[in-house]
């Protein structure tokens, strides 16, 4: 969840993810852990391809039309599905849906689940 906050803040403020991470490191509360930093950084490194996939497979939605929090939850979910080999696909989707339930609209969990499930099905044919 902390990685979503970092990605969200970077997008809303229009600053690099690395700048948000550095600022958060300087704060003592709440502390930022290495996993959160790595996840946010890796999602950012793959962001162009992730956003391309979201644009392609989000039926009836453009990336710009999605709520910012949903976009960033989806970015983490796509990264975990396609590049984080140590995270099972079902876990990646379940975590994204749980974050959408906690952080976004009532419709968001269904949207996040549907889009990530579609990408999971297409995973073998996607060129990364």
Protein backbone atom coordinates (compact mmCIF):
# COMPACT_ATOMS: atom_id res chain seq x y z
CA UNK A 1 0.00 0.00 0.00
CA UNK A 2 2.89 2.35 0.71
CA UNK A 3 4.13 1.90 -2.86
CA UNK A 4 0.73 3.08 -4.13
CA UNK A 5 1.11 6.19 -1.98
CA UNK A 6 4.55 6.91 -3.47
CA UNK A 7 3.39 6.41 -7.06
CA UNK A 8 0.25 8.46 -6.41
CA UNK A 9 2.18 11.32 -4.86
CA UNK A 10 4.74 11.38 -7.67
CA UNK A 11 2.00 11.49 -10.31
CA UNK A 12 -0.13 14.13 -8.58
CA UNK A 13 2.85 16.36 -7.79
CA UNK A 14 4.45 15.78 -11.20
CA UNK A 15 7.79 14.75 -9.72
CA UNK A 16 9.98 11.67 -10.21
CA UNK A 17 9.29 8.64 -8.03
CA UNK A 18 12.89 8.80 -6.82
CA UNK A 19 12.28 12.29 -5.42
CA UNK A 20 9.27 11.10 -3.42
CA UNK A 21 11.28 8.15 -2.09
CA UNK A 22 14.16 10.43 -1.04
CA UNK A 23 11.77 12.80 0.73
CA UNK A 24 10.09 9.92 2.54
CA UNK A 25 13.44 8.47 3.58
CA UNK A 26 14.23 11.79 5.25
CA UNK A 27 11.03 11.53 7.33
CA UNK A 28 11.19 9.30 10.37
CA UNK A 29 7.45 8.64 10.57
CA UNK A 30 6.16 6.56 9.01
CA UNK A 31 9.35 4.79 7.99
CA UNK A 32 9.75 3.55 4.43
CA UNK A 33 11.09 0.05 3.93
CA UNK A 34 13.31 -1.36 1.21
CA UNK A 35 10.56 -3.49 -0.34
CA UNK A 36 8.33 -0.42 -0.80
CA UNK A 37 11.19 1.53 -2.39
CA UNK A 38 12.07 -1.30 -4.74
CA UNK A 39 8.47 -1.94 -5.78
CA UNK A 40 7.76 1.73 -6.52
CA UNK A 41 11.05 2.06 -8.42
CA UNK A 42 10.50 -1.07 -10.50
CA UNK A 43 6.94 -0.11 -11.36
CA UNK A 44 8.24 3.28 -12.46
CA UNK A 45 10.96 1.64 -14.59
CA UNK A 46 8.32 -0.40 -16.44
CA UNK A 47 5.69 2.33 -16.46
CA UNK A 48 5.66 2.99 -20.21
CA UNK A 49 4.98 -0.68 -21.04
CA UNK A 50 2.54 -1.04 -18.13
CA UNK A 51 0.57 2.02 -19.27
CA UNK A 52 0.53 0.72 -22.84
CA UNK A 53 -0.95 -2.58 -21.62
CA UNK A 54 -3.52 -0.80 -19.46
CA UNK A 55 -4.58 1.38 -22.42
CA UNK A 56 -4.84 -1.69 -24.67
CA UNK A 57 -6.80 -3.96 -22.33
CA UNK A 58 -8.98 -1.54 -20.34
CA UNK A 59 -12.21 -1.92 -22.26
CA UNK A 60 -14.08 1.37 -22.45
CA UNK A 61 -11.52 3.26 -20.37
CA UNK A 62 -8.55 5.41 -21.23
CA UNK A 63 -5.68 5.71 -18.81
CA UNK A 64 -6.42 9.41 -18.28
CA UNK A 65 -10.03 8.68 -17.39
CA UNK A 66 -9.15 6.23 -14.61
CA UNK A 67 -8.92 7.62 -11.09
CA UNK A 68 -5.27 8.28 -10.18
CA UNK A 69 -5.35 5.81 -7.31
CA UNK A 70 -6.79 3.07 -9.56
CA UNK A 71 -4.14 3.73 -12.20
CA UNK A 72 -1.39 3.26 -9.64
CA UNK A 73 -2.95 0.18 -8.06
CA UNK A 74 -3.20 -1.30 -11.54
CA UNK A 75 0.40 -0.38 -12.33
CA UNK A 76 1.58 -2.32 -9.29
CA UNK A 77 -0.69 -5.24 -10.16
CA UNK A 78 0.56 -5.39 -13.75
CA UNK A 79 4.18 -5.18 -12.62
CA UNK A 80 3.63 -8.03 -10.14
CA UNK A 81 1.83 -10.14 -12.75
CA UNK A 82 4.41 -9.74 -15.47
CA UNK A 83 7.78 -9.10 -13.83
CA UNK A 84 7.68 -10.22 -10.18
CA UNK A 85 8.26 -13.94 -10.57
CA UNK A 86 8.20 -14.52 -6.81
CA UNK A 87 4.59 -13.31 -6.51
CA UNK A 88 1.88 -15.74 -7.67
CA UNK A 89 -0.59 -14.23 -10.15
CA UNK A 90 -3.56 -14.83 -7.87
CA UNK A 91 -1.84 -13.07 -4.99
CA UNK A 92 -0.97 -10.06 -7.18
CA UNK A 93 -4.60 -9.72 -8.26
CA UNK A 94 -6.00 -10.28 -4.75
CA UNK A 95 -3.67 -7.64 -3.27
CA UNK A 96 -4.63 -5.12 -5.96
CA UNK A 97 -8.34 -5.76 -5.39
CA UNK A 98 -7.89 -5.38 -1.63
CA UNK A 99 -6.11 -2.04 -2.12
CA UNK A 100 -8.88 -0.86 -4.45
CA UNK A 101 -11.48 -1.79 -1.81
CA UNK A 102 -9.63 0.19 0.83
CA UNK A 103 -8.48 3.19 -1.18
CA UNK A 104 -10.92 3.78 -4.03
CA UNK A 105 -14.53 3.73 -5.18
CA UNK A 106 -17.09 0.97 -4.76
CA UNK A 107 -16.74 0.07 -8.46
CA UNK A 108 -12.95 -0.01 -8.46
CA UNK A 109 -12.37 -3.52 -7.04
CA UNK A 110 -14.45 -5.11 -9.83
CA UNK A 111 -12.68 -3.00 -12.47
CA UNK A 112 -9.21 -3.80 -11.09
CA UNK A 113 -10.03 -7.51 -10.83
CA UNK A 114 -11.40 -7.67 -14.38
CA UNK A 115 -8.52 -5.81 -15.99
CA UNK A 116 -5.79 -7.71 -14.16
CA UNK A 117 -7.52 -11.03 -14.83
CA UNK A 118 -7.67 -10.17 -18.53
CA UNK A 119 -3.95 -9.41 -18.52
CA UNK A 120 -3.21 -12.65 -16.62
CA UNK A 121 -5.03 -14.60 -19.34
CA UNK A 122 -3.05 -12.79 -22.05
CA UNK A 123 0.24 -13.07 -20.16
CA UNK A 124 1.72 -15.88 -22.30
CA UNK A 125 1.21 -13.86 -25.48
CA UNK A 126 2.41 -10.48 -24.21
CA UNK A 127 5.82 -9.33 -25.33
CA UNK A 128 7.66 -7.74 -22.47
